[in-house]
Amino acid sequence: MRHLLLIPVFLMFLLPNISSGQNYDKEIIGTWEMTSTKFTYPDGSVMEETEFKYPAIRIYTKTYYSFGRQNNNGSLAAALGGKYSIKGNILTQERNYHVASSYVGKTTDYEIKIEGEKFSLKGVSPNKILIEEEYKRIE
């Protein structure tokens, strides 16, 4: 009888953890093309883009990611990658390489959401820029 009383207590602690967020560790694997980006800088200024001359691509394997992007004038905007992990809906990306070497070794936590072929992320970069990005799966 005492064991039966423990079941509701166990479920009370287990169910919130199950329903608190989806774990996207398998769904993120693939290639994603940016469809929009919004940067909010520490001074309050905002930069938004929804049209890209060159594709901005994120690639995720089981444990590593890579991201590359050119500005519309063709200059390099970003090139970085490294290890990542996901717990619930929090994506933690470590920079094992970065076009700006001062960012190597730094991590960023993003709140993510994946719905079908759409992927969004939101987080604050090491230089205090709020990043909000939307992607579509291309592979």
Protein backbone atom coordinates (compact mmCIF):
# COMPACT_ATOMS: atom_id res chain seq x y z
CA MET A 1 0.00 0.00 0.00
CA ARG A 2 2.82 2.42 0.84
CA HIS A 3 4.27 1.85 -2.64
CA LEU A 4 0.98 2.89 -4.22
CA LEU A 5 1.11 6.18 -2.35
CA LEU A 6 4.55 6.89 -3.80
CA ILE A 7 3.31 6.65 -7.40
CA PRO A 8 1.34 9.95 -7.35
CA VAL A 9 4.25 11.70 -5.64
CA PHE A 10 6.67 10.37 -8.26
CA LEU A 11 4.36 11.44 -11.10
CA MET A 12 3.97 14.89 -9.57
CA PHE A 13 7.72 15.46 -9.92
CA LEU A 14 8.18 13.63 -13.22
CA LEU A 15 5.36 15.07 -15.33
CA PRO A 16 6.39 18.74 -15.13
CA ASN A 17 9.83 17.77 -16.41
CA ILE A 18 8.36 15.82 -19.29
CA SER A 19 5.93 18.54 -20.32
CA SER A 20 8.17 21.56 -19.64
CA GLY A 21 9.74 21.44 -23.08
CA GLN A 22 10.56 19.24 -25.97
CA ASN A 23 14.06 17.95 -26.42
CA TYR A 24 15.11 18.85 -29.95
CA ASP A 25 18.38 16.89 -30.04
CA LYS A 26 17.33 14.74 -33.01
CA GLU A 27 15.13 17.27 -34.80
CA ILE A 28 17.88 19.87 -35.13
CA ILE A 29 20.19 17.59 -37.14
CA GLY A 30 20.36 18.80 -40.73
CA THR A 31 20.92 21.93 -42.79
CA TRP A 32 18.99 25.14 -42.17
CA GLU A 33 18.78 28.33 -44.25
CA MET A 34 18.13 31.67 -42.56
CA THR A 35 14.83 33.35 -43.48
CA SER A 36 15.02 36.31 -41.08
CA THR A 37 17.31 37.83 -38.50
CA LYS A 38 16.95 40.57 -35.91
CA PHE A 39 19.80 41.98 -33.84
CA THR A 40 19.04 44.28 -30.91
CA TYR A 41 22.23 46.03 -29.84
CA PRO A 42 23.07 47.14 -26.28
CA ASP A 43 22.39 50.78 -27.27
CA GLY A 44 18.83 49.83 -28.30
CA SER A 45 19.38 50.04 -32.06
CA VAL A 46 17.91 47.25 -34.15
CA MET A 47 19.00 45.61 -37.41
CA GLU A 48 16.52 43.33 -39.20
CA GLU A 49 16.83 41.38 -42.44
CA THR A 50 14.39 39.20 -44.33
CA GLU A 51 16.03 39.19 -47.78
CA PHE A 52 19.43 37.66 -48.36
CA LYS A 53 21.52 37.83 -51.54
CA TYR A 54 23.67 34.97 -50.20
CA PRO A 55 22.26 32.12 -48.13
CA ALA A 56 23.14 32.02 -44.44
CA ILE A 57 23.46 28.39 -43.43
CA ARG A 58 23.50 26.47 -40.13
CA ILE A 59 24.49 22.79 -40.21
CA TYR A 60 24.01 20.46 -37.24
CA THR A 61 25.37 16.94 -36.82
CA LYS A 62 24.87 14.87 -33.65
CA THR A 63 27.41 16.94 -31.68
CA TYR A 64 28.79 19.74 -33.88
CA TYR A 65 27.40 22.78 -35.66
CA SER A 66 28.69 25.19 -38.26
CA PHE A 67 27.36 28.58 -39.33
CA GLY A 68 28.41 30.78 -42.22
CA ARG A 69 27.02 34.00 -43.61
CA GLN A 70 27.96 36.70 -46.09
CA ASN A 71 26.60 40.24 -46.09
CA ASN A 72 24.58 41.30 -49.13
CA ASN A 73 27.70 43.07 -50.47
CA GLY A 74 29.56 39.73 -50.44
CA SER A 75 31.81 40.40 -47.43
CA LEU A 76 32.11 37.81 -44.68
CA ALA A 77 29.61 38.43 -41.88
CA ALA A 78 30.12 35.29 -39.79
CA ALA A 79 31.97 31.99 -39.80
CA LEU A 80 31.87 29.90 -36.65
CA GLY A 81 31.23 26.46 -35.29
CA GLY A 82 31.95 23.93 -32.62
CA LYS A 83 30.24 21.62 -30.18
CA TYR A 84 26.67 22.06 -29.07
CA SER A 85 24.23 20.47 -26.65
CA ILE A 86 20.49 20.66 -26.11
CA LYS A 87 18.52 20.32 -22.89
CA GLY A 88 14.81 20.77 -23.37
CA ASN A 89 14.45 23.86 -25.54
CA ILE A 90 17.84 25.37 -24.63
CA LEU A 91 20.58 25.07 -27.24
CA THR A 92 24.09 25.73 -25.91
CA GLN A 93 26.68 26.43 -28.60
CA GLU A 94 30.40 26.53 -27.90
CA ARG A 95 32.61 28.37 -30.35
CA ASN A 96 35.53 26.09 -31.17
CA TYR A 97 36.37 28.35 -34.13
CA HIS A 98 35.23 31.84 -35.05
CA VAL A 99 36.26 34.43 -37.61
CA ALA A 100 37.00 36.71 -34.62
CA SER A 101 39.40 34.69 -32.47
CA SER A 102 38.33 36.53 -29.28
CA TYR A 103 35.06 34.55 -29.40
CA VAL A 104 36.75 31.12 -29.46
CA GLY A 105 35.84 29.18 -26.33
CA LYS A 106 32.79 31.30 -25.54
CA THR A 107 29.31 29.82 -25.38
CA THR A 108 25.83 31.13 -26.04
CA ASP A 109 22.54 29.71 -24.81
CA TYR A 110 19.59 30.02 -27.16
CA GLU A 111 15.94 29.33 -26.57
CA ILE A 112 14.89 27.30 -29.60
CA LYS A 113 11.74 26.04 -31.22
CA ILE A 114 11.42 23.56 -34.06
CA GLU A 115 8.08 23.04 -35.76
CA GLY A 116 8.24 20.81 -38.81
CA GLU A 117 10.60 22.46 -41.25
CA LYS A 118 10.95 25.73 -39.28
CA PHE A 119 13.56 26.48 -36.64
CA SER A 120 13.88 29.62 -34.51
CA LEU A 121 16.44 30.69 -31.94
CA LYS A 122 16.74 33.58 -29.50
CA GLY A 123 19.65 34.42 -27.23
CA VAL A 124 22.23 36.98 -26.18
CA SER A 125 25.67 36.79 -27.78
CA PRO A 126 28.94 37.29 -25.84
CA ASN A 127 29.00 40.91 -27.06
CA LYS A 128 25.53 41.48 -25.52
CA ILE A 129 23.54 41.51 -28.79
CA LEU A 130 20.07 39.96 -28.60
CA ILE A 131 19.87 37.61 -31.58
CA GLU A 132 16.55 36.38 -32.98
CA GLU A 133 16.71 34.20 -36.08
CA GLU A 134 14.34 32.11 -38.17
CA TYR A 135 15.36 29.24 -40.46
CA LYS A 136 13.84 26.74 -42.87
CA ARG A 137 15.13 23.21 -43.31
CA ILE A 138 16.81 22.67 -46.67
CA GLU A 139 18.25 19.19 -46.05
